Amino acid sequence: MRLCFLVEEQYRHDGMPLDVIRQLDAWGHQVDVLWPGRSLISLSDAIQAGSHDAWVLKTVSGGPGLTLLEAAATAGLTTVNDVRAIRGVRDKALAAVIARGTGLPVPVTYAAARPEEFAEIPETEFPLVVKPADGSSGRAVRLVATPDRLRDPAEPTGTGDPGAPGDGLLIAQPYVPNSGTDLKVYSVAGELYATERCSPLHPAHAVRERQVPLTPEIARITAEIGTVFGLDLYGVDILLGPEGPVVVDINDFPSFRQVPDAVARVSAAILDLARNGTTGAAGRPANGQLTAGQAGAMPSTATPAAPPFTAPPAPPVPPAPRAPRPAASIGGGR
């Protein structure tokens, strides 16, 4: 198969997706890599029907790669994830509205252009978690204890950081009391893996990252998110609050940390999605709810030990020599 990866500047050294690219290449597939933030891209040559079996994006919110992925989808190419699904979760304000409208357990959400405008929220709802609607990787997320602290500056995110949020919309949600441990659940094309890690709001709380059992309730919520948003490769941040699980973030193409054989599993999932198509909006029921058939296909109540991963068979014949193309090799953009 021939695949095209769009890798944003922030992820140029990350194992996810670079190790996936190497794995696919080792299996005999042709992988072109475009670096939207650091190279000239010939749109007329790179984006055309039939050029690739699928385009895959590892992006930051507001990065240039999403526009290129949308262009590929417009040309009729398969995208992983579906580009409409990525838009739905990359805008956290939009994601909160979609999730709450379909009955998913998300906090009450407020939006404002300036943090001091959140002072109109009743003080009984403080402390608030305030973050950029277009943020990513936990940047500029802060806990505001009282209305008079809303003007406090956010922690610096680093000069010239391409993943740092700009001056756009902010959202605020009432803080969900929790143990300081985040539950991160990953979906690899329908296979669910639950993991624990330290909450970014409680960095002093020592938590050993590890895979943990997946309960039926958490499995149901995670699977429903994939259905509602049309995602195939995604992660969900869940807090276990006093009133039950609460979804606080959704990420397309996350790190998949602590997922057994993550590189091979994600690589195989991408090949399958390229061959058979992604879920996309077509997988989203009109009412946003799981159908009876989908509910009956839920994962088991605990995360079993994953068997050793078996790689898909290599193509029966060596791939043809690659024609010159505008895409750089995996090392070409470093």
C-alpha atoms as a PDB file:
ATOM      1  CA  MET A   1       0.000   0.000   0.000  1.00  0.00           C
ATOM      2  CA  ARG A   2       1.041   3.617  -0.429  1.00  0.00           C
ATOM      3  CA  LEU A   3       0.428   5.936   2.520  1.00  0.00           C
ATOM      4  CA  CYS A   4       1.129   9.598   3.208  1.00  0.00           C
ATOM      5  CA  PHE A   5       1.854  10.851   6.728  1.00  0.00           C
ATOM      6  CA  LEU A   6       1.519  14.508   7.685  1.00  0.00           C
ATOM      7  CA  VAL A   7       3.751  15.115  10.707  1.00  0.00           C
ATOM      8  CA  GLU A   8       3.571  18.477  12.467  1.00  0.00           C
ATOM      9  CA  GLU A   9       6.723  20.166  13.723  1.00  0.00           C
ATOM     10  CA  GLN A  10       6.053  19.327  17.370  1.00  0.00           C
ATOM     11  CA  TYR A  11       6.151  15.574  16.649  1.00  0.00           C
ATOM     12  CA  ARG A  12       9.210  15.452  14.382  1.00  0.00           C
ATOM     13  CA  HIS A  13      11.151  13.358  16.934  1.00  0.00           C
ATOM     14  CA  ASP A  14       8.270  11.449  18.569  1.00  0.00           C
ATOM     15  CA  GLY A  15       8.035   7.677  18.413  1.00  0.00           C
ATOM     16  CA  MET A  16       4.365   8.051  17.621  1.00  0.00           C
ATOM     17  CA  PRO A  17       4.066   8.338  14.673  1.00  0.00           C
ATOM     18  CA  LEU A  18       7.709   7.963  13.485  1.00  0.00           C
ATOM     19  CA  ASP A  19       8.027   4.388  14.738  1.00  0.00           C
ATOM     20  CA  VAL A  20       4.755   3.562  12.984  1.00  0.00           C
ATOM     21  CA  ILE A  21       6.157   4.975   9.746  1.00  0.00           C
ATOM     22  CA  ARG A  22       9.269   2.812  10.133  1.00  0.00           C
ATOM     23  CA  GLN A  23       7.154  -0.259  10.907  1.00  0.00           C
ATOM     24  CA  LEU A  24       5.005   0.184   7.816  1.00  0.00           C
ATOM     25  CA  ASP A  25       8.124   0.654   5.701  1.00  0.00           C
ATOM     26  CA  ALA A  26       9.626  -2.521   7.202  1.00  0.00           C
ATOM     27  CA  TRP A  27       6.475  -4.424   6.249  1.00  0.00           C
ATOM     28  CA  GLY A  28       7.057  -3.416   2.625  1.00  0.00           C
ATOM     29  CA  HIS A  29       4.606  -0.545   2.273  1.00  0.00           C
ATOM     30  CA  GLN A  30       5.493   2.762   0.636  1.00  0.00           C
ATOM     31  CA  VAL A  31       5.255   5.675   3.081  1.00  0.00           C
ATOM     32  CA  ASP A  32       5.631   9.293   2.009  1.00  0.00           C
ATOM     33  CA  VAL A  33       6.124  11.887   4.761  1.00  0.00           C
ATOM     34  CA  LEU A  34       5.170  15.543   4.514  1.00  0.00           C
ATOM     35  CA  TRP A  35       6.312  18.073   7.133  1.00  0.00           C
ATOM     36  CA  PRO A  36       3.728  20.890   6.943  1.00  0.00           C
ATOM     37  CA  GLY A  37       5.621  23.221   9.273  1.00  0.00           C
ATOM     38  CA  ARG A  38       9.060  23.044   7.676  1.00  0.00           C
ATOM     39  CA  SER A  39       8.915  22.265   3.973  1.00  0.00           C
ATOM     40  CA  LEU A  40       7.484  23.397   0.659  1.00  0.00           C
ATOM     41  CA  ILE A  41       4.596  21.191  -0.456  1.00  0.00           C
ATOM     42  CA  SER A  42       3.457  21.055  -4.064  1.00  0.00           C
ATOM     43  CA  LEU A  43      -0.291  20.828  -3.531  1.00  0.00           C
ATOM     44  CA  SER A  44      -1.031  20.183  -7.182  1.00  0.00           C
ATOM     45  CA  ASP A  45       1.243  17.127  -7.270  1.00  0.00           C
ATOM     46  CA  ALA A  46       0.856  15.754  -3.745  1.00  0.00           C
ATOM     47  CA  ILE A  47      -2.921  15.954  -3.344  1.00  0.00           C
ATOM     48  CA  GLN A  48      -4.770  14.207  -6.116  1.00  0.00           C
ATOM     49  CA  ALA A  49      -7.207  11.322  -6.335  1.00  0.00           C
ATOM     50  CA  GLY A  50      -5.479   7.948  -6.379  1.00  0.00           C
ATOM     51  CA  SER A  51      -2.120   9.248  -5.173  1.00  0.00           C
ATOM     52  CA  HIS A  52      -2.285   7.250  -1.912  1.00  0.00           C
ATOM     53  CA  ASP A  53      -4.426   4.614  -0.243  1.00  0.00           C
ATOM     54  CA  ALA A  54      -4.737   6.861   2.834  1.00  0.00           C
ATOM     55  CA  TRP A  55      -3.403  10.024   4.442  1.00  0.00           C
ATOM     56  CA  VAL A  56      -2.589  10.008   8.153  1.00  0.00           C
ATOM     57  CA  LEU A  57      -2.189  13.113  10.333  1.00  0.00           C
ATOM     58  CA  LYS A  58      -0.334  13.630  13.612  1.00  0.00           C
ATOM     59  CA  THR A  59      -1.300  17.196  14.382  1.00  0.00           C
ATOM     60  CA  VAL A  60      -1.436  19.967  16.933  1.00  0.00           C
ATOM     61  CA  SER A  61      -4.500  22.158  17.274  1.00  0.00           C
ATOM     62  CA  GLY A  62      -4.309  24.980  14.779  1.00  0.00           C
ATOM     63  CA  GLY A  63      -1.416  23.364  12.899  1.00  0.00           C
ATOM     64  CA  PRO A  64      -1.267  23.543   9.081  1.00  0.00           C
ATOM     65  CA  GLY A  65      -1.579  19.782   8.654  1.00  0.00           C
ATOM     66  CA  LEU A  66      -5.333  19.688   9.190  1.00  0.00           C
ATOM     67  CA  THR A  67      -5.955  21.960   6.205  1.00  0.00           C
ATOM     68  CA  LEU A  68      -3.844  19.643   4.049  1.00  0.00           C
ATOM     69  CA  LEU A  69      -5.743  16.622   5.349  1.00  0.00           C
ATOM     70  CA  GLU A  70      -9.023  18.325   4.473  1.00  0.00           C
ATOM     71  CA  ALA A  71      -7.674  18.972   0.979  1.00  0.00           C
ATOM     72  CA  ALA A  72      -6.836  15.264   0.650  1.00  0.00           C
ATOM     73  CA  ALA A  73     -10.348  14.330   1.764  1.00  0.00           C
ATOM     74  CA  THR A  74     -11.801  16.775  -0.763  1.00  0.00           C
ATOM     75  CA  ALA A  75      -9.785  15.018  -3.475  1.00  0.00           C
ATOM     76  CA  GLY A  76     -11.482  11.754  -2.465  1.00  0.00           C
ATOM     77  CA  LEU A  77      -8.624  10.237  -0.441  1.00  0.00           C
ATOM     78  CA  THR A  78      -9.179   8.215   2.732  1.00  0.00           C
ATOM     79  CA  THR A  79      -7.967  10.015   5.856  1.00  0.00           C
ATOM     80  CA  VAL A  80      -7.037   8.542   9.248  1.00  0.00           C
ATOM     81  CA  ASN A  81      -8.831   9.659  11.340  1.00  0.00           C
ATOM     82  CA  ASP A  82     -11.727  10.966   9.275  1.00  0.00           C
ATOM     83  CA  VAL A  83     -11.023  14.676   8.885  1.00  0.00           C
ATOM     84  CA  ARG A  84     -14.488  15.699  10.139  1.00  0.00           C
ATOM     85  CA  ALA A  85     -13.913  13.679  13.286  1.00  0.00           C
ATOM     86  CA  ILE A  86     -10.592  15.436  13.907  1.00  0.00           C
ATOM     87  CA  ARG A  87     -12.250  18.846  13.574  1.00  0.00           C
ATOM     88  CA  GLY A  88     -14.910  17.737  16.037  1.00  0.00           C
ATOM     89  CA  VAL A  89     -12.436  16.986  18.833  1.00  0.00           C
ATOM     90  CA  ARG A  90      -9.683  19.514  18.086  1.00  0.00           C
ATOM     91  CA  ASP A  91     -12.040  22.374  18.995  1.00  0.00           C
ATOM     92  CA  LYS A  92     -12.682  21.661  22.677  1.00  0.00           C
ATOM     93  CA  ALA A  93     -15.683  24.006  22.798  1.00  0.00           C
ATOM     94  CA  LEU A  94     -17.313  22.188  19.881  1.00  0.00           C
ATOM     95  CA  ALA A  95     -16.409  18.802  21.366  1.00  0.00           C
ATOM     96  CA  ALA A  96     -18.050  19.736  24.693  1.00  0.00           C
ATOM     97  CA  VAL A  97     -21.292  20.707  22.942  1.00  0.00           C
ATOM     98  CA  ILE A  98     -21.359  17.538  20.828  1.00  0.00           C
ATOM     99  CA  ALA A  99     -20.580  15.306  23.806  1.00  0.00           C
ATOM    100  CA  ARG A 100     -23.091  16.884  26.168  1.00  0.00           C
ATOM    101  CA  GLY A 101     -25.780  16.899  23.475  1.00  0.00           C
ATOM    102  CA  THR A 102     -25.441  13.124  23.072  1.00  0.00           C
ATOM    103  CA  GLY A 103     -25.552  12.369  26.800  1.00  0.00           C
ATOM    104  CA  LEU A 104     -21.861  11.723  27.386  1.00  0.00           C
ATOM    105  CA  PRO A 105     -20.673  12.590  30.928  1.00  0.00           C
ATOM    106  CA  VAL A 106     -18.837  15.890  30.430  1.00  0.00           C
ATOM    107  CA  PRO A 107     -18.675  18.864  32.803  1.00  0.00           C
ATOM    108  CA  VAL A 108     -20.754  21.994  32.324  1.00  0.00           C
ATOM    109  CA  THR A 109     -18.701  24.155  29.952  1.00  0.00           C
ATOM    110  CA  TYR A 110     -18.394  27.936  29.614  1.00  0.00           C
ATOM    111  CA  ALA A 111     -16.626  29.887  26.870  1.00  0.00           C
ATOM    112  CA  ALA A 112     -15.088  33.357  26.819  1.00  0.00           C
ATOM    113  CA  ALA A 113     -12.446  35.300  24.942  1.00  0.00           C
ATOM    114  CA  ARG A 114     -10.770  36.605  28.134  1.00  0.00           C
ATOM    115  CA  PRO A 115     -10.318  34.763  31.442  1.00  0.00           C
ATOM    116  CA  GLU A 116     -11.744  37.620  33.552  1.00  0.00           C
ATOM    117  CA  GLU A 117     -15.120  37.098  31.864  1.00  0.00           C
ATOM    118  CA  PHE A 118     -15.445  33.819  33.769  1.00  0.00           C
ATOM    119  CA  ALA A 119     -15.972  35.930  36.902  1.00  0.00           C
ATOM    120  CA  GLU A 120     -19.669  35.950  35.994  1.00  0.00           C
ATOM    121  CA  ILE A 121     -19.837  32.225  36.771  1.00  0.00           C
ATOM    122  CA  PRO A 122     -21.368  31.639  40.242  1.00  0.00           C
ATOM    123  CA  GLU A 123     -18.629  31.347  42.844  1.00  0.00           C
ATOM    124  CA  THR A 124     -20.161  28.075  43.993  1.00  0.00           C
ATOM    125  CA  GLU A 125     -18.873  26.499  40.753  1.00  0.00           C
ATOM    126  CA  PHE A 126     -15.249  27.360  41.548  1.00  0.00           C
ATOM    127  CA  PRO A 127     -12.573  26.090  41.375  1.00  0.00           C
ATOM    128  CA  LEU A 128     -12.565  26.124  37.581  1.00  0.00           C
ATOM    129  CA  VAL A 129     -10.314  24.403  35.082  1.00  0.00           C
ATOM    130  CA  VAL A 130      -9.518  26.978  32.386  1.00  0.00           C
ATOM    131  CA  LYS A 131      -7.872  26.023  29.093  1.00  0.00           C
ATOM    132  CA  PRO A 132      -7.651  27.143  25.455  1.00  0.00           C
ATOM    133  CA  ALA A 133     -10.348  25.751  23.198  1.00  0.00           C
ATOM    134  CA  ASP A 134      -7.606  24.967  20.669  1.00  0.00           C
ATOM    135  CA  GLY A 135      -5.030  23.698  23.172  1.00  0.00           C
ATOM    136  CA  SER A 136      -3.151  20.430  23.035  1.00  0.00           C
ATOM    137  CA  SER A 137      -0.838  18.305  25.205  1.00  0.00           C
ATOM    138  CA  GLY A 138      -2.060  19.959  28.414  1.00  0.00           C
ATOM    139  CA  ARG A 139      -0.614  23.372  27.495  1.00  0.00           C
ATOM    140  CA  ALA A 140      -1.910  26.426  29.407  1.00  0.00           C
ATOM    141  CA  VAL A 141      -4.375  24.347  31.427  1.00  0.00           C
ATOM    142  CA  ARG A 142      -4.743  25.833  34.903  1.00  0.00           C
ATOM    143  CA  LEU A 143      -6.815  25.431  38.025  1.00  0.00           C
ATOM    144  CA  VAL A 144      -8.413  28.700  39.194  1.00  0.00           C
ATOM    145  CA  ALA A 145      -9.482  28.525  42.831  1.00  0.00           C
ATOM    146  CA  THR A 146     -11.512  31.747  43.094  1.00  0.00           C
ATOM    147  CA  PRO A 147     -12.800  34.498  40.743  1.00  0.00           C
ATOM    148  CA  ASP A 148     -10.115  36.950  41.892  1.00  0.00           C
ATOM    149  CA  ARG A 149      -7.406  34.592  40.533  1.00  0.00           C
ATOM    150  CA  LEU A 150      -8.723  34.605  36.963  1.00  0.00           C
ATOM    151  CA  ARG A 151      -6.310  37.351  35.918  1.00  0.00           C
ATOM    152  CA  ASP A 152      -3.283  35.421  37.151  1.00  0.00           C
ATOM    153  CA  PRO A 153      -0.954  34.664  34.230  1.00  0.00           C
ATOM    154  CA  ALA A 154      -0.873  31.131  32.872  1.00  0.00           C
ATOM    155  CA  GLU A 155       2.321  29.125  33.150  1.00  0.00           C
ATOM    156  CA  PRO A 156       4.720  29.897  30.269  1.00  0.00           C
ATOM    157  CA  THR A 157       4.606  27.393  27.441  1.00  0.00           C
ATOM    158  CA  GLY A 158       7.901  28.239  25.773  1.00  0.00           C
ATOM    159  CA  THR A 159       8.874  30.733  23.113  1.00  0.00           C
ATOM    160  CA  GLY A 160       8.025  29.708  19.596  1.00  0.00           C
ATOM    161  CA  ASP A 161       6.323  26.483  20.674  1.00  0.00           C
ATOM    162  CA  PRO A 162       4.213  25.450  17.669  1.00  0.00           C
ATOM    163  CA  GLY A 163       1.783  23.649  19.956  1.00  0.00           C
ATOM    164  CA  ALA A 164       1.245  26.632  22.241  1.00  0.00           C
ATOM    165  CA  PRO A 165      -2.242  28.137  22.105  1.00  0.00           C
ATOM    166  CA  GLY A 166      -2.829  31.603  20.762  1.00  0.00           C
ATOM    167  CA  ASP A 167      -5.293  34.276  21.819  1.00  0.00           C
ATOM    168  CA  GLY A 168      -8.433  32.433  20.786  1.00  0.00           C
ATOM    169  CA  LEU A 169     -11.424  31.155  22.677  1.00  0.00           C
ATOM    170  CA  LEU A 170     -11.068  29.839  26.232  1.00  0.00           C
ATOM    171  CA  ILE A 171     -13.266  27.300  27.955  1.00  0.00           C
ATOM    172  CA  ALA A 172     -13.866  26.772  31.671  1.00  0.00           C
ATOM    173  CA  GLN A 173     -15.327  23.786  33.475  1.00  0.00           C
ATOM    174  CA  PRO A 174     -15.955  23.198  37.192  1.00  0.00           C
ATOM    175  CA  TYR A 175     -13.141  21.161  38.715  1.00  0.00           C
ATOM    176  CA  VAL A 176     -14.036  17.502  39.264  1.00  0.00           C
ATOM    177  CA  PRO A 177     -12.667  16.339  42.656  1.00  0.00           C
ATOM    178  CA  ASN A 178     -10.433  13.331  42.056  1.00  0.00           C
ATOM    179  CA  SER A 179      -7.454  11.406  43.406  1.00  0.00           C
ATOM    180  CA  GLY A 180      -4.918  13.172  41.183  1.00  0.00           C
ATOM    181  CA  THR A 181      -4.810  10.204  38.810  1.00  0.00           C
ATOM    182  CA  ASP A 182      -6.104  10.469  35.247  1.00  0.00           C
ATOM    183  CA  LEU A 183      -7.570   7.461  33.498  1.00  0.00           C
ATOM    184  CA  LYS A 184      -6.463   7.463  29.857  1.00  0.00           C
ATOM    185  CA  VAL A 185      -8.312   5.022  27.629  1.00  0.00           C
ATOM    186  CA  TYR A 186      -7.021   4.356  24.116  1.00  0.00           C
ATOM    187  CA  SER A 187      -8.959   2.942  21.194  1.00  0.00           C
ATOM    188  CA  VAL A 188      -7.022   1.232  18.406  1.00  0.00           C
ATOM    189  CA  ALA A 189      -9.736   0.687  15.789  1.00  0.00           C
ATOM    190  CA  GLY A 190     -12.145  -0.750  18.367  1.00  0.00           C
ATOM    191  CA  GLU A 191      -9.648  -2.400  20.735  1.00  0.00           C
ATOM    192  CA  LEU A 192      -9.701  -0.564  24.081  1.00  0.00           C
ATOM    193  CA  TYR A 193      -6.833  -0.206  26.576  1.00  0.00           C
ATOM    194  CA  ALA A 194      -7.134   1.583  29.932  1.00  0.00           C
ATOM    195  CA  THR A 195      -4.075   3.207  31.540  1.00  0.00           C
ATOM    196  CA  GLU A 196      -3.320   5.427  34.529  1.00  0.00           C
ATOM    197  CA  ARG A 197      -1.116   8.515  34.682  1.00  0.00           C
ATOM    198  CA  CYS A 198      -0.561  11.618  36.795  1.00  0.00           C
ATOM    199  CA  SER A 199      -3.041  14.471  36.316  1.00  0.00           C
ATOM    200  CA  PRO A 200      -1.454  17.627  34.818  1.00  0.00           C
ATOM    201  CA  LEU A 201      -3.275  19.593  37.534  1.00  0.00           C
ATOM    202  CA  HIS A 202      -1.545  17.564  40.274  1.00  0.00           C
ATOM    203  CA  PRO A 203       2.072  17.185  39.092  1.00  0.00           C
ATOM    204  CA  ALA A 204       3.314  16.477  42.633  1.00  0.00           C
ATOM    205  CA  HIS A 205       1.096  13.398  42.899  1.00  0.00           C
ATOM    206  CA  ALA A 206       3.247  10.354  42.185  1.00  0.00           C
ATOM    207  CA  VAL A 207       1.523   7.932  39.829  1.00  0.00           C
ATOM    208  CA  ARG A 208       3.161   4.976  38.108  1.00  0.00           C
ATOM    209  CA  GLU A 209       1.972   4.814  34.522  1.00  0.00           C
ATOM    210  CA  ARG A 210       0.512   1.399  33.891  1.00  0.00           C
ATOM    211  CA  GLN A 211      -2.221  -0.521  32.144  1.00  0.00           C
ATOM    212  CA  VAL A 212      -5.260  -1.104  34.365  1.00  0.00           C
ATOM    213  CA  PRO A 213      -8.459  -3.173  34.099  1.00  0.00           C
ATOM    214  CA  LEU A 214     -11.175  -1.759  31.876  1.00  0.00           C
ATOM    215  CA  THR A 215     -14.583  -1.646  33.564  1.00  0.00           C
ATOM    216  CA  PRO A 216     -17.836  -2.095  31.601  1.00  0.00           C
ATOM    217  CA  GLU A 217     -18.876   1.522  32.266  1.00  0.00           C
ATOM    218  CA  ILE A 218     -15.584   3.006  31.074  1.00  0.00           C
ATOM    219  CA  ALA A 219     -15.615   0.710  28.025  1.00  0.00           C
ATOM    220  CA  ARG A 220     -19.149   1.823  27.156  1.00  0.00           C
ATOM    221  CA  ILE A 221     -18.288   5.529  27.457  1.00  0.00           C
ATOM    222  CA  THR A 222     -15.101   5.184  25.387  1.00  0.00           C
ATOM    223  CA  ALA A 223     -16.791   3.185  22.631  1.00  0.00           C
ATOM    224  CA  GLU A 224     -19.666   5.655  22.508  1.00  0.00           C
ATOM    225  CA  ILE A 225     -17.225   8.536  22.043  1.00  0.00           C
ATOM    226  CA  GLY A 226     -15.793   6.790  18.993  1.00  0.00           C
ATOM    227  CA  THR A 227     -19.306   6.361  17.597  1.00  0.00           C
ATOM    228  CA  VAL A 228     -20.470   9.905  18.333  1.00  0.00           C
ATOM    229  CA  PHE A 229     -17.371  11.610  16.909  1.00  0.00           C
ATOM    230  CA  GLY A 230     -16.566   9.094  14.160  1.00  0.00           C
ATOM    231  CA  LEU A 231     -13.065   8.321  15.462  1.00  0.00           C
ATOM    232  CA  ASP A 232     -10.996   5.164  14.897  1.00  0.00           C
ATOM    233  CA  LEU A 233      -7.660   5.957  16.608  1.00  0.00           C
ATOM    234  CA  TYR A 234      -8.190   8.080  19.707  1.00  0.00           C
ATOM    235  CA  GLY A 235      -7.673   8.572  23.417  1.00  0.00           C
ATOM    236  CA  VAL A 236     -10.064   9.706  26.143  1.00  0.00           C
ATOM    237  CA  ASP A 237      -9.129  11.374  29.448  1.00  0.00           C
ATOM    238  CA  ILE A 238     -11.532  10.323  32.195  1.00  0.00           C
ATOM    239  CA  LEU A 239     -11.685  11.369  35.841  1.00  0.00           C
ATOM    240  CA  LEU A 240     -13.337   9.180  38.441  1.00  0.00           C
ATOM    241  CA  GLY A 241     -15.288  11.844  40.298  1.00  0.00           C
ATOM    242  CA  PRO A 242     -17.632  11.536  43.292  1.00  0.00           C
ATOM    243  CA  GLU A 243     -20.624  11.090  40.965  1.00  0.00           C
ATOM    244  CA  GLY A 244     -18.930   8.679  38.548  1.00  0.00           C
ATOM    245  CA  PRO A 245     -16.722   8.903  35.451  1.00  0.00           C
ATOM    246  CA  VAL A 246     -16.373  12.310  33.761  1.00  0.00           C
ATOM    247  CA  VAL A 247     -14.843  12.842  30.312  1.00  0.00           C
ATOM    248  CA  VAL A 248     -12.478  15.830  30.342  1.00  0.00           C
ATOM    249  CA  ASP A 249     -10.637  15.498  27.023  1.00  0.00           C
ATOM    250  CA  ILE A 250     -10.668  13.602  23.708  1.00  0.00           C
ATOM    251  CA  ASN A 251      -7.602  13.285  21.474  1.00  0.00           C
ATOM    252  CA  ASP A 252      -7.222  12.017  17.933  1.00  0.00           C
ATOM    253  CA  PHE A 253      -4.092   9.911  17.267  1.00  0.00           C
ATOM    254  CA  PRO A 254      -2.642  10.117  20.810  1.00  0.00           C
ATOM    255  CA  SER A 255       0.609   8.615  22.151  1.00  0.00           C
ATOM    256  CA  PHE A 256      -0.840   5.153  22.969  1.00  0.00           C
ATOM    257  CA  ARG A 257       1.532   4.904  25.930  1.00  0.00           C
ATOM    258  CA  GLN A 258       1.323   1.632  27.866  1.00  0.00           C
ATOM    259  CA  VAL A 259      -0.600  -0.069  25.048  1.00  0.00           C
ATOM    260  CA  PRO A 260       1.066  -3.468  24.464  1.00  0.00           C
ATOM    261  CA  ASP A 261       2.855  -3.658  21.103  1.00  0.00           C
ATOM    262  CA  ALA A 262       1.471  -0.187  20.374  1.00  0.00           C
ATOM    263  CA  VAL A 263       3.528   0.457  17.242  1.00  0.00           C
ATOM    264  CA  ALA A 264       2.577  -2.809  15.559  1.00  0.00           C
ATOM    265  CA  ARG A 265      -1.074  -2.570  16.610  1.00  0.00           C
ATOM    266  CA  VAL A 266      -1.474   1.030  15.415  1.00  0.00           C
ATOM    267  CA  SER A 267       0.366   0.230  12.171  1.00  0.00           C
ATOM    268  CA  ALA A 268      -1.917  -2.726  11.473  1.00  0.00           C
ATOM    269  CA  ALA A 269      -4.985  -0.609  12.296  1.00  0.00           C
ATOM    270  CA  ILE A 270      -3.897   2.064   9.817  1.00  0.00           C
ATOM    271  CA  LEU A 271      -3.499  -0.558   7.067  1.00  0.00           C
ATOM    272  CA  ASP A 272      -6.954  -1.945   7.810  1.00  0.00           C
ATOM    273  CA  LEU A 273      -8.530   1.525   7.798  1.00  0.00           C
ATOM    274  CA  ALA A 274      -6.749   2.355   4.544  1.00  0.00           C
ATOM    275  CA  ARG A 275      -8.146  -0.804   2.937  1.00  0.00           C
ATOM    276  CA  ASN A 276     -11.667  -0.700   4.350  1.00  0.00           C
ATOM    277  CA  GLY A 277     -12.313   2.983   5.085  1.00  0.00           C
ATOM    278  CA  THR A 278     -12.625   4.860   8.354  1.00  0.00           C
ATOM    279  CA  THR A 279     -15.673   5.226  10.571  1.00  0.00           C
ATOM    280  CA  GLY A 280     -16.156   8.947   9.900  1.00  0.00           C
ATOM    281  CA  ALA A 281     -19.529  10.612   9.977  1.00  0.00           C
ATOM    282  CA  ALA A 282     -21.040   7.526   8.337  1.00  0.00           C
ATOM    283  CA  GLY A 283     -20.494   5.628  11.588  1.00  0.00           C
ATOM    284  CA  ARG A 284     -22.377   8.174  13.653  1.00  0.00           C
ATOM    285  CA  PRO A 285     -26.054   7.346  14.285  1.00  0.00           C
ATOM    286  CA  ALA A 286     -28.480  10.208  13.678  1.00  0.00           C
ATOM    287  CA  ASN A 287     -29.269  10.510  17.396  1.00  0.00           C
ATOM    288  CA  GLY A 288     -25.603  10.184  18.421  1.00  0.00           C
ATOM    289  CA  GLN A 289     -26.279   7.055  20.491  1.00  0.00           C
ATOM    290  CA  LEU A 290     -24.923   3.539  20.220  1.00  0.00           C
ATOM    291  CA  THR A 291     -27.181   1.147  18.377  1.00  0.00           C
ATOM    292  CA  ALA A 292     -28.177  -2.132  19.951  1.00  0.00           C
ATOM    293  CA  GLY A 293     -25.710  -4.004  17.771  1.00  0.00           C
ATOM    294  CA  GLN A 294     -22.859  -1.734  18.731  1.00  0.00           C
ATOM    295  CA  ALA A 295     -23.696  -1.944  22.408  1.00  0.00           C
ATOM    296  CA  GLY A 296     -23.696  -5.721  22.178  1.00  0.00           C
ATOM    297  CA  ALA A 297     -20.201  -5.671  20.728  1.00  0.00           C
ATOM    298  CA  MET A 298     -18.656  -4.078  23.800  1.00  0.00           C
ATOM    299  CA  PRO A 299     -15.209  -5.189  24.960  1.00  0.00           C
ATOM    300  CA  SER A 300     -14.820  -7.499  27.935  1.00  0.00           C
ATOM    301  CA  THR A 301     -15.031  -6.093  31.455  1.00  0.00           C
ATOM    302  CA  ALA A 302     -11.291  -6.203  32.062  1.00  0.00           C
ATOM    303  CA  THR A 303      -8.261  -5.508  29.971  1.00  0.00           C
ATOM    304  CA  PRO A 304      -6.765  -8.944  29.215  1.00  0.00           C
ATOM    305  CA  ALA A 305      -3.092  -9.520  28.718  1.00  0.00           C
ATOM    306  CA  ALA A 306      -2.529  -8.826  25.050  1.00  0.00           C
ATOM    307  CA  PRO A 307      -1.165 -11.742  23.035  1.00  0.00           C
ATOM    308  CA  PRO A 308       2.123 -11.314  21.163  1.00  0.00           C
ATOM    309  CA  PHE A 309       1.408  -9.248  18.084  1.00  0.00           C
ATOM    310  CA  THR A 310       1.631 -10.951  14.703  1.00  0.00           C
ATOM    311  CA  ALA A 311       2.568  -8.632  11.871  1.00  0.00           C
ATOM    312  CA  PRO A 312       0.435  -8.639   8.723  1.00  0.00           C
ATOM    313  CA  PRO A 313       2.049 -10.561   5.862  1.00  0.00           C
ATOM    314  CA  ALA A 314       4.370  -8.594   3.642  1.00  0.00           C
ATOM    315  CA  PRO A 315       3.251  -7.928   0.071  1.00  0.00           C
ATOM    316  CA  PRO A 316       3.796 -10.993  -2.145  1.00  0.00           C
ATOM    317  CA  VAL A 317       6.022  -9.074  -4.553  1.00  0.00           C
ATOM    318  CA  PRO A 318       8.617  -6.380  -3.915  1.00  0.00           C
ATOM    319  CA  PRO A 319       7.235  -2.877  -4.303  1.00  0.00           C
ATOM    320  CA  ALA A 320       7.931  -1.105  -7.569  1.00  0.00           C
ATOM    321  CA  PRO A 321      10.695   1.532  -7.617  1.00  0.00           C
ATOM    322  CA  ARG A 322       9.441   4.805  -6.239  1.00  0.00           C
ATOM    323  CA  ALA A 323       8.850   7.598  -8.689  1.00  0.00           C
ATOM    324  CA  PRO A 324      10.163  11.085  -7.835  1.00  0.00           C
ATOM    325  CA  ARG A 325       7.665  12.932  -5.650  1.00  0.00           C
ATOM    326  CA  PRO A 326       7.495  16.115  -3.594  1.00  0.00           C
ATOM    327  CA  ALA A 327       7.291  14.308  -0.272  1.00  0.00           C
ATOM    328  CA  ALA A 328      10.428  14.068   1.843  1.00  0.00           C
ATOM    329  CA  SER A 329      11.702  10.816   3.252  1.00  0.00           C
ATOM    330  CA  ILE A 330      11.323  10.258   6.979  1.00  0.00           C
ATOM    331  CA  GLY A 331      14.711  11.783   7.633  1.00  0.00           C
ATOM    332  CA  GLY A 332      14.383  14.552   5.090  1.00  0.00           C
ATOM    333  CA  GLY A 333      12.640  17.060   7.341  1.00  0.00           C
ATOM    334  CA  ARG A 334      14.900  16.909  10.382  1.00  0.00           C
END
